[in-house]
Amino acid sequence: MSITEINTTAKDLIDIKAMIAELEAEAEALTDRLKSAMVERGEEVLQGDGWKATWKNVNSRRFDSKAFKADHADLYSQYSKATTTTRFVLSV
């Protein structure tokens, strides 16, 4: 790939990521409108032509690894493992 093609590809990627960010912001605004309608109606479920939206509280439990490491550093180091990943970053 030539430097011209690389530059074009990088610029295309930057443009597409900007479009994605705009669409995500628009989707979030539309989601907020539906949530507002649910609050106004006092409903956790809305339905329309071919769609259904739910907005409910969900309870869950998660393991607090920071607290466990602070209280049981020896066990934490015994059962934790290091991992290696690769990361691609394109900066503007």
PDB file of N, CA and C in Angstrom:
ATOM      1  N   MET A   1       0.859  -1.171   0.000  1.00  0.00           N
ATOM      2  CA  MET A   1       0.000   0.000   0.000  1.00  0.00           C
ATOM      3  C   MET A   1       0.903   1.232   0.000  1.00  0.00           C
ATOM      4  N   SER A   2       0.616   2.177  -0.875  1.00  0.00           N
ATOM      5  CA  SER A   2       1.412   3.405  -0.960  1.00  0.00           C
ATOM      6  C   SER A   2       1.047   4.347   0.180  1.00  0.00           C
ATOM      7  N   ILE A   3       1.900   5.345   0.401  1.00  0.00           N
ATOM      8  CA  ILE A   3       1.634   6.313   1.473  1.00  0.00           C
ATOM      9  C   ILE A   3       0.351   7.093   1.177  1.00  0.00           C
ATOM     10  N   THR A   4       0.070   7.338  -0.091  1.00  0.00           N
ATOM     11  CA  THR A   4      -1.168   8.025  -0.471  1.00  0.00           C
ATOM     12  C   THR A   4      -2.376   7.181  -0.090  1.00  0.00           C
ATOM     13  N   GLU A   5      -2.319   5.889  -0.374  1.00  0.00           N
ATOM     14  CA  GLU A   5      -3.419   4.987  -0.021  1.00  0.00           C
ATOM     15  C   GLU A   5      -3.574   4.881   1.493  1.00  0.00           C
ATOM     16  N   ILE A   6      -2.451   4.847   2.192  1.00  0.00           N
ATOM     17  CA  ILE A   6      -2.488   4.769   3.661  1.00  0.00           C
ATOM     18  C   ILE A   6      -3.140   6.028   4.227  1.00  0.00           C
ATOM     19  N   ASN A   7      -2.745   7.191   3.719  1.00  0.00           N
ATOM     20  CA  ASN A   7      -3.345   8.453   4.175  1.00  0.00           C
ATOM     21  C   ASN A   7      -4.845   8.487   3.887  1.00  0.00           C
ATOM     22  N   THR A   8      -5.237   8.059   2.707  1.00  0.00           N
ATOM     23  CA  THR A   8      -6.651   8.035   2.342  1.00  0.00           C
ATOM     24  C   THR A   8      -7.421   7.092   3.255  1.00  0.00           C
ATOM     25  N   THR A   9      -6.860   5.922   3.512  1.00  0.00           N
ATOM     26  CA  THR A   9      -7.509   4.945   4.384  1.00  0.00           C
ATOM     27  C   THR A   9      -7.669   5.491   5.794  1.00  0.00           C
ATOM     28  N   ALA A  10      -6.617   6.116   6.325  1.00  0.00           N
ATOM     29  CA  ALA A  10      -6.687   6.683   7.679  1.00  0.00           C
ATOM     30  C   ALA A  10      -7.727   7.795   7.747  1.00  0.00           C
ATOM     31  N   LYS A  11      -7.747   8.668   6.733  1.00  0.00           N
ATOM     32  CA  LYS A  11      -8.723   9.761   6.727  1.00  0.00           C
ATOM     33  C   LYS A  11     -10.146   9.220   6.593  1.00  0.00           C
ATOM     34  N   ASP A  12     -10.338   8.184   5.775  1.00  0.00           N
ATOM     35  CA  ASP A  12     -11.657   7.555   5.658  1.00  0.00           C
ATOM     36  C   ASP A  12     -12.097   6.981   6.996  1.00  0.00           C
ATOM     37  N   LEU A  13     -11.161   6.342   7.704  1.00  0.00           N
ATOM     38  CA  LEU A  13     -11.479   5.775   9.015  1.00  0.00           C
ATOM     39  C   LEU A  13     -11.868   6.874   9.996  1.00  0.00           C
ATOM     40  N   ILE A  14     -11.137   7.972   9.992  1.00  0.00           N
ATOM     41  CA  ILE A  14     -11.446   9.098  10.883  1.00  0.00           C
ATOM     42  C   ILE A  14     -12.844   9.638  10.579  1.00  0.00           C
ATOM     43  N   ASP A  15     -13.155   9.791   9.279  1.00  0.00           N
ATOM     44  CA  ASP A  15     -14.478  10.293   8.881  1.00  0.00           C
ATOM     45  C   ASP A  15     -15.590   9.349   9.325  1.00  0.00           C
ATOM     46  N   ILE A  16     -15.392   8.056   9.131  1.00  0.00           N
ATOM     47  CA  ILE A  16     -16.410   7.070   9.504  1.00  0.00           C
ATOM     48  C   ILE A  16     -16.601   7.036  11.010  1.00  0.00           C
ATOM     49  N   LYS A  17     -15.502   7.126  11.776  1.00  0.00           N
ATOM     50  CA  LYS A  17     -15.630   7.152  13.234  1.00  0.00           C
ATOM     51  C   LYS A  17     -16.392   8.392  13.695  1.00  0.00           C
ATOM     52  N   ALA A  18     -16.202   9.511  13.005  1.00  0.00           N
ATOM     53  CA  ALA A  18     -16.950  10.731  13.335  1.00  0.00           C
ATOM     54  C   ALA A  18     -18.435  10.535  13.043  1.00  0.00           C
ATOM     55  N   MET A  19     -18.752   9.887  11.917  1.00  0.00           N
ATOM     56  CA  MET A  19     -20.147   9.611  11.586  1.00  0.00           C
ATOM     57  C   MET A  19     -20.778   8.689  12.619  1.00  0.00           C
ATOM     58  N   ILE A  20     -20.019   7.682  13.041  1.00  0.00           N
ATOM     59  CA  ILE A  20     -20.517   6.744  14.057  1.00  0.00           C
ATOM     60  C   ILE A  20     -20.819   7.497  15.352  1.00  0.00           C
ATOM     61  N   ALA A  21     -19.913   8.395  15.746  1.00  0.00           N
ATOM     62  CA  ALA A  21     -20.121   9.169  16.980  1.00  0.00           C
ATOM     63  C   ALA A  21     -21.385  10.017  16.873  1.00  0.00           C
ATOM     64  N   GLU A  22     -21.611  10.626  15.705  1.00  0.00           N
ATOM     65  CA  GLU A  22     -22.823  11.428  15.506  1.00  0.00           C
ATOM     66  C   GLU A  22     -24.073  10.555  15.590  1.00  0.00           C
ATOM     67  N   LEU A  23     -24.029   9.387  14.956  1.00  0.00           N
ATOM     68  CA  LEU A  23     -25.177   8.483  14.981  1.00  0.00           C
ATOM     69  C   LEU A  23     -25.434   7.951  16.390  1.00  0.00           C
ATOM     70  N   GLU A  24     -24.361   7.664  17.136  1.00  0.00           N
ATOM     71  CA  GLU A  24     -24.531   7.198  18.512  1.00  0.00           C
ATOM     72  C   GLU A  24     -25.174   8.288  19.371  1.00  0.00           C
ATOM     73  N   ALA A  25     -24.775   9.544  19.154  1.00  0.00           N
ATOM     74  CA  ALA A  25     -25.374  10.652  19.906  1.00  0.00           C
ATOM     75  C   ALA A  25     -26.850  10.794  19.545  1.00  0.00           C
ATOM     76  N   GLU A  26     -27.171  10.647  18.266  1.00  0.00           N
ATOM     77  CA  GLU A  26     -28.566  10.725  17.829  1.00  0.00           C
ATOM     78  C   GLU A  26     -29.380   9.572  18.419  1.00  0.00           C
ATOM     79  N   ALA A  27     -28.799   8.365  18.425  1.00  0.00           N
ATOM     80  CA  ALA A  27     -29.484   7.207  18.999  1.00  0.00           C
ATOM     81  C   ALA A  27     -29.719   7.405  20.492  1.00  0.00           C
ATOM     82  N   GLU A  28     -28.755   7.978  21.180  1.00  0.00           N
ATOM     83  CA  GLU A  28     -28.907   8.226  22.613  1.00  0.00           C
ATOM     84  C   GLU A  28     -30.019   9.244  22.871  1.00  0.00           C
ATOM     85  N   ALA A  29     -30.105  10.266  22.030  1.00  0.00           N
ATOM     86  CA  ALA A  29     -31.162  11.272  22.188  1.00  0.00           C
ATOM     87  C   ALA A  29     -32.539  10.638  21.961  1.00  0.00           C
ATOM     88  N   LEU A  30     -32.654   9.769  20.967  1.00  0.00           N
ATOM     89  CA  LEU A  30     -33.918   9.093  20.710  1.00  0.00           C
ATOM     90  C   LEU A  30     -34.274   8.139  21.848  1.00  0.00           C
ATOM     91  N   THR A  31     -33.266   7.466  22.382  1.00  0.00           N
ATOM     92  CA  THR A  31     -33.474   6.582  23.532  1.00  0.00           C
ATOM     93  C   THR A  31     -33.995   7.380  24.718  1.00  0.00           C
ATOM     94  N   ASP A  32     -33.400   8.542  24.950  1.00  0.00           N
ATOM     95  CA  ASP A  32     -33.846   9.396  26.056  1.00  0.00           C
ATOM     96  C   ASP A  32     -35.293   9.853  25.870  1.00  0.00           C
ATOM     97  N   ARG A  33     -35.685  10.114  24.624  1.00  0.00           N
ATOM     98  CA  ARG A  33     -37.081  10.496  24.360  1.00  0.00           C
ATOM     99  C   ARG A  33     -38.038   9.362  24.710  1.00  0.00           C
ATOM    100  N   LEU A  34     -37.663   8.132  24.334  1.00  0.00           N
ATOM    101  CA  LEU A  34     -38.511   6.988  24.676  1.00  0.00           C
ATOM    102  C   LEU A  34     -38.564   6.774  26.186  1.00  0.00           C
ATOM    103  N   LYS A  35     -37.430   6.925  26.857  1.00  0.00           N
ATOM    104  CA  LYS A  35     -37.407   6.784  28.313  1.00  0.00           C
ATOM    105  C   LYS A  35     -38.290   7.831  28.970  1.00  0.00           C
ATOM    106  N   SER A  36     -38.247   9.052  28.450  1.00  0.00           N
ATOM    107  CA  SER A  36     -39.102  10.119  28.992  1.00  0.00           C
ATOM    108  C   SER A  36     -40.570   9.768  28.829  1.00  0.00           C
ATOM    109  N   ALA A  37     -40.921   9.217  27.667  1.00  0.00           N
ATOM    110  CA  ALA A  37     -42.309   8.808  27.434  1.00  0.00           C
ATOM    111  C   ALA A  37     -42.711   7.720  28.422  1.00  0.00           C
ATOM    112  N   MET A  38     -41.798   6.818  28.733  1.00  0.00           N
ATOM    113  CA  MET A  38     -42.086   5.746  29.677  1.00  0.00           C
ATOM    114  C   MET A  38     -42.306   6.312  31.084  1.00  0.00           C
ATOM    115  N   VAL A  39     -41.482   7.277  31.459  1.00  0.00           N
ATOM    116  CA  VAL A  39     -41.630   7.904  32.774  1.00  0.00           C
ATOM    117  C   VAL A  39     -42.959   8.654  32.852  1.00  0.00           C
ATOM    118  N   GLU A  40     -43.272   9.425  31.811  1.00  0.00           N
ATOM    119  CA  GLU A  40     -44.534  10.172  31.784  1.00  0.00           C
ATOM    120  C   GLU A  40     -45.731   9.249  31.934  1.00  0.00           C
ATOM    121  N   ARG A  41     -45.664   8.075  31.296  1.00  0.00           N
ATOM    122  CA  ARG A  41     -46.779   7.128  31.339  1.00  0.00           C
ATOM    123  C   ARG A  41     -46.726   6.213  32.558  1.00  0.00           C
ATOM    124  N   GLY A  42     -45.574   6.204  33.254  1.00  0.00           N
ATOM    125  CA  GLY A  42     -45.415   5.313  34.389  1.00  0.00           C
ATOM    126  C   GLY A  42     -45.346   3.856  33.970  1.00  0.00           C
ATOM    127  N   GLU A  43     -44.758   3.591  32.815  1.00  0.00           N
ATOM    128  CA  GLU A  43     -44.688   2.223  32.285  1.00  0.00           C
ATOM    129  C   GLU A  43     -43.246   1.801  32.076  1.00  0.00           C
ATOM    130  N   GLU A  44     -42.985   0.508  32.277  1.00  0.00           N
ATOM    131  CA  GLU A  44     -41.662  -0.052  32.020  1.00  0.00           C
ATOM    132  C   GLU A  44     -41.556  -0.653  30.622  1.00  0.00           C
ATOM    133  N   VAL A  45     -42.693  -0.736  29.921  1.00  0.00           N
ATOM    134  CA  VAL A  45     -42.730  -1.339  28.595  1.00  0.00           C
ATOM    135  C   VAL A  45     -43.548  -0.465  27.660  1.00  0.00           C
ATOM    136  N   LEU A  46     -43.010  -0.223  26.467  1.00  0.00           N
ATOM    137  CA  LEU A  46     -43.746   0.445  25.394  1.00  0.00           C
ATOM    138  C   LEU A  46     -43.704  -0.451  24.173  1.00  0.00           C
ATOM    139  N   GLN A  47     -44.803  -0.485  23.428  1.00  0.00           N
ATOM    140  CA  GLN A  47     -44.846  -1.296  22.216  1.00  0.00           C
ATOM    141  C   GLN A  47     -45.419  -0.482  21.079  1.00  0.00           C
ATOM    142  N   GLY A  48     -44.952  -0.796  19.877  1.00  0.00           N
ATOM    143  CA  GLY A  48     -45.470  -0.141  18.692  1.00  0.00           C
ATOM    144  C   GLY A  48     -45.533  -1.139  17.554  1.00  0.00           C
ATOM    145  N   ASP A  49     -45.556  -0.637  16.342  1.00  0.00           N
ATOM    146  CA  ASP A  49     -45.633  -1.486  15.153  1.00  0.00           C
ATOM    147  C   ASP A  49     -44.287  -2.169  14.905  1.00  0.00           C
ATOM    148  N   GLY A  50     -44.156  -3.393  15.369  1.00  0.00           N
ATOM    149  CA  GLY A  50     -42.936  -4.167  15.138  1.00  0.00           C
ATOM    150  C   GLY A  50     -41.790  -3.875  16.085  1.00  0.00           C
ATOM    151  N   TRP A  51     -42.048  -3.191  17.193  1.00  0.00           N
ATOM    152  CA  TRP A  51     -40.988  -2.917  18.167  1.00  0.00           C
ATOM    153  C   TRP A  51     -41.547  -2.954  19.582  1.00  0.00           C
ATOM    154  N   LYS A  52     -40.631  -3.158  20.510  1.00  0.00           N
ATOM    155  CA  LYS A  52     -40.968  -3.187  21.928  1.00  0.00           C
ATOM    156  C   LYS A  52     -39.765  -2.643  22.694  1.00  0.00           C
ATOM    157  N   ALA A  53     -40.005  -1.714  23.603  1.00  0.00           N
ATOM    158  CA  ALA A  53     -38.943  -1.149  24.431  1.00  0.00           C
ATOM    159  C   ALA A  53     -39.246  -1.438  25.893  1.00  0.00           C
ATOM    160  N   THR A  54     -38.229  -1.887  26.625  1.00  0.00           N
ATOM    161  CA  THR A  54     -38.369  -2.088  28.063  1.00  0.00           C
ATOM    162  C   THR A  54     -37.284  -1.288  28.765  1.00  0.00           C
ATOM    163  N   TRP A  55     -37.619  -0.786  29.942  1.00  0.00           N
ATOM    164  CA  TRP A  55     -36.666  -0.042  30.758  1.00  0.00           C
ATOM    165  C   TRP A  55     -36.978  -0.378  32.202  1.00  0.00           C
ATOM    166  N   LYS A  56     -36.176  -1.298  32.752  1.00  0.00           N
ATOM    167  CA  LYS A  56     -36.430  -1.827  34.083  1.00  0.00           C
ATOM    168  C   LYS A  56     -35.150  -1.819  34.914  1.00  0.00           C
ATOM    169  N   ASN A  57     -35.326  -1.844  36.224  1.00  0.00           N
ATOM    170  CA  ASN A  57     -34.192  -2.035  37.128  1.00  0.00           C
ATOM    171  C   ASN A  57     -33.744  -3.482  37.047  1.00  0.00           C
ATOM    172  N   VAL A  58     -32.440  -3.687  37.045  1.00  0.00           N
ATOM    173  CA  VAL A  58     -31.867  -5.034  37.022  1.00  0.00           C
ATOM    174  C   VAL A  58     -30.881  -5.127  38.178  1.00  0.00           C
ATOM    175  N   ASN A  59     -31.076  -6.093  39.054  1.00  0.00           N
ATOM    176  CA  ASN A  59     -30.170  -6.303  40.179  1.00  0.00           C
ATOM    177  C   ASN A  59     -29.135  -7.360  39.807  1.00  0.00           C
ATOM    178  N   SER A  60     -27.902  -7.106  40.187  1.00  0.00           N
ATOM    179  CA  SER A  60     -26.847  -8.085  39.918  1.00  0.00           C
ATOM    180  C   SER A  60     -25.774  -7.971  40.995  1.00  0.00           C
ATOM    181  N   ARG A  61     -24.921  -8.972  41.046  1.00  0.00           N
ATOM    182  CA  ARG A  61     -23.783  -8.959  41.964  1.00  0.00           C
ATOM    183  C   ARG A  61     -22.512  -9.072  41.129  1.00  0.00           C
ATOM    184  N   ARG A  62     -21.528  -8.296  41.497  1.00  0.00           N
ATOM    185  CA  ARG A  62     -20.248  -8.330  40.789  1.00  0.00           C
ATOM    186  C   ARG A  62     -19.131  -8.527  41.807  1.00  0.00           C
ATOM    187  N   PHE A  63     -18.112  -9.206  41.363  1.00  0.00           N
ATOM    188  CA  PHE A  63     -16.968  -9.468  42.229  1.00  0.00           C
ATOM    189  C   PHE A  63     -16.111  -8.210  42.326  1.00  0.00           C
ATOM    190  N   ASP A  64     -15.839  -7.763  43.539  1.00  0.00           N
ATOM    191  CA  ASP A  64     -15.033  -6.567  43.773  1.00  0.00           C
ATOM    192  C   ASP A  64     -13.568  -6.968  43.903  1.00  0.00           C
ATOM    193  N   SER A  65     -12.872  -6.999  42.772  1.00  0.00           N
ATOM    194  CA  SER A  65     -11.484  -7.462  42.775  1.00  0.00           C
ATOM    195  C   SER A  65     -10.558  -6.494  43.518  1.00  0.00           C
ATOM    196  N   LYS A  66     -10.867  -5.179  43.512  1.00  0.00           N
ATOM    197  CA  LYS A  66     -10.028  -4.227  44.241  1.00  0.00           C
ATOM    198  C   LYS A  66     -10.072  -4.501  45.740  1.00  0.00           C
ATOM    199  N   ALA A  67     -11.275  -4.709  46.268  1.00  0.00           N
ATOM    200  CA  ALA A  67     -11.411  -4.980  47.700  1.00  0.00           C
ATOM    201  C   ALA A  67     -10.780  -6.320  48.047  1.00  0.00           C
ATOM    202  N   PHE A  68     -10.974  -7.327  47.179  1.00  0.00           N
ATOM    203  CA  PHE A  68     -10.389  -8.638  47.427  1.00  0.00           C
ATOM    204  C   PHE A  68      -8.871  -8.546  47.436  1.00  0.00           C
ATOM    205  N   LYS A  69      -8.304  -7.800  46.481  1.00  0.00           N
ATOM    206  CA  LYS A  69      -6.850  -7.645  46.418  1.00  0.00           C
ATOM    207  C   LYS A  69      -6.334  -6.949  47.670  1.00  0.00           C
ATOM    208  N   ALA A  70      -7.068  -5.938  48.156  1.00  0.00           N
ATOM    209  CA  ALA A  70      -6.649  -5.216  49.359  1.00  0.00           C
ATOM    210  C   ALA A  70      -6.705  -6.111  50.590  1.00  0.00           C
ATOM    211  N   ASP A  71      -7.725  -6.959  50.683  1.00  0.00           N
ATOM    212  CA  ASP A  71      -7.897  -7.814  51.855  1.00  0.00           C
ATOM    213  C   ASP A  71      -7.109  -9.118  51.784  1.00  0.00           C
ATOM    214  N   HIS A  72      -6.898  -9.614  50.554  1.00  0.00           N
ATOM    215  CA  HIS A  72      -6.260 -10.929  50.382  1.00  0.00           C
ATOM    216  C   HIS A  72      -5.249 -10.898  49.249  1.00  0.00           C
ATOM    217  N   ALA A  73      -4.222 -10.067  49.399  1.00  0.00           N
ATOM    218  CA  ALA A  73      -3.236  -9.877  48.330  1.00  0.00           C
ATOM    219  C   ALA A  73      -2.567 -11.183  47.922  1.00  0.00           C
ATOM    220  N   ASP A  74      -2.308 -12.073  48.885  1.00  0.00           N
ATOM    221  CA  ASP A  74      -1.648 -13.340  48.571  1.00  0.00           C
ATOM    222  C   ASP A  74      -2.528 -14.220  47.681  1.00  0.00           C
ATOM    223  N   LEU A  75      -3.807 -14.328  48.011  1.00  0.00           N
ATOM    224  CA  LEU A  75      -4.720 -15.119  47.184  1.00  0.00           C
ATOM    225  C   LEU A  75      -4.937 -14.465  45.820  1.00  0.00           C
ATOM    226  N   TYR A  76      -5.022 -13.153  45.806  1.00  0.00           N
ATOM    227  CA  TYR A  76      -5.221 -12.442  44.545  1.00  0.00           C
ATOM    228  C   TYR A  76      -4.072 -12.738  43.592  1.00  0.00           C
ATOM    229  N   SER A  77      -2.837 -12.629  44.068  1.00  0.00           N
ATOM    230  CA  SER A  77      -1.685 -12.883  43.200  1.00  0.00           C
ATOM    231  C   SER A  77      -1.602 -14.356  42.806  1.00  0.00           C
ATOM    232  N   GLN A  78      -2.062 -15.238  43.674  1.00  0.00           N
ATOM    233  CA  GLN A  78      -2.030 -16.678  43.381  1.00  0.00           C
ATOM    234  C   GLN A  78      -3.020 -17.037  42.267  1.00  0.00           C
ATOM    235  N   TYR A  79      -4.159 -16.373  42.224  1.00  0.00           N
ATOM    236  CA  TYR A  79      -5.201 -16.736  41.267  1.00  0.00           C
ATOM    237  C   TYR A  79      -5.382 -15.750  40.105  1.00  0.00           C
ATOM    238  N   SER A  80      -4.580 -14.712  40.054  1.00  0.00           N
ATOM    239  CA  SER A  80      -4.685 -13.802  38.917  1.00  0.00           C
ATOM    240  C   SER A  80      -3.597 -14.156  37.906  1.00  0.00           C
ATOM    241  N   LYS A  81      -3.858 -13.821  36.666  1.00  0.00           N
ATOM    242  CA  LYS A  81      -2.872 -14.110  35.632  1.00  0.00           C
ATOM    243  C   LYS A  81      -2.728 -12.904  34.721  1.00  0.00           C
ATOM    244  N   ALA A  82      -1.532 -12.714  34.223  1.00  0.00           N
ATOM    245  CA  ALA A  82      -1.252 -11.608  33.315  1.00  0.00           C
ATOM    246  C   ALA A  82      -1.675 -11.994  31.903  1.00  0.00           C
ATOM    247  N   THR A  83      -2.191 -11.032  31.180  1.00  0.00           N
ATOM    248  CA  THR A  83      -2.570 -11.262  29.794  1.00  0.00           C
ATOM    249  C   THR A  83      -1.958 -10.172  28.926  1.00  0.00           C
ATOM    250  N   THR A  84      -1.782 -10.473  27.664  1.00  0.00           N
ATOM    251  CA  THR A  84      -1.252  -9.506  26.715  1.00  0.00           C
ATOM    252  C   THR A  84      -2.248  -9.370  25.571  1.00  0.00           C
ATOM    253  N   THR A  85      -2.556  -8.151  25.231  1.00  0.00           N
ATOM    254  CA  THR A  85      -3.445  -7.885  24.110  1.00  0.00           C
ATOM    255  C   THR A  85      -2.782  -6.881  23.185  1.00  0.00           C
ATOM    256  N   THR A  86      -3.322  -6.735  22.001  1.00  0.00           N
ATOM    257  CA  THR A  86      -2.832  -5.699  21.105  1.00  0.00           C
ATOM    258  C   THR A  86      -3.900  -4.620  20.999  1.00  0.00           C
ATOM    259  N   ARG A  87      -3.486  -3.394  20.819  1.00  0.00           N
ATOM    260  CA  ARG A  87      -4.405  -2.275  20.757  1.00  0.00           C
ATOM    261  C   ARG A  87      -4.052  -1.422  19.558  1.00  0.00           C
ATOM    262  N   PHE A  88      -5.062  -1.072  18.757  1.00  0.00           N
ATOM    263  CA  PHE A  88      -4.885  -0.174  17.622  1.00  0.00           C
ATOM    264  C   PHE A  88      -5.461   1.171  17.999  1.00  0.00           C
ATOM    265  N   VAL A  89      -4.664   2.236  17.861  1.00  0.00           N
ATOM    266  CA  VAL A  89      -5.122   3.577  18.193  1.00  0.00           C
ATOM    267  C   VAL A  89      -4.788   4.490  17.015  1.00  0.00           C
ATOM    268  N   LEU A  90      -5.780   5.212  16.542  1.00  0.00           N
ATOM    269  CA  LEU A  90      -5.577   6.210  15.489  1.00  0.00           C
ATOM    270  C   LEU A  90      -5.911   7.553  16.095  1.00  0.00           C
ATOM    271  N   SER A  91      -4.911   8.414  16.212  1.00  0.00           N
ATOM    272  CA  SER A  91      -5.095   9.730  16.856  1.00  0.00           C
ATOM    273  C   SER A  91      -5.186  10.818  15.807  1.00  0.00           C
ATOM    274  N   VAL A  92      -5.954  11.836  16.143  1.00  0.00           N
ATOM    275  CA  VAL A  92      -6.103  12.975  15.236  1.00  0.00           C
ATOM    276  C   VAL A  92      -5.369  14.150  15.825  1.00  0.00           C
TER     277      VAL A  92
END
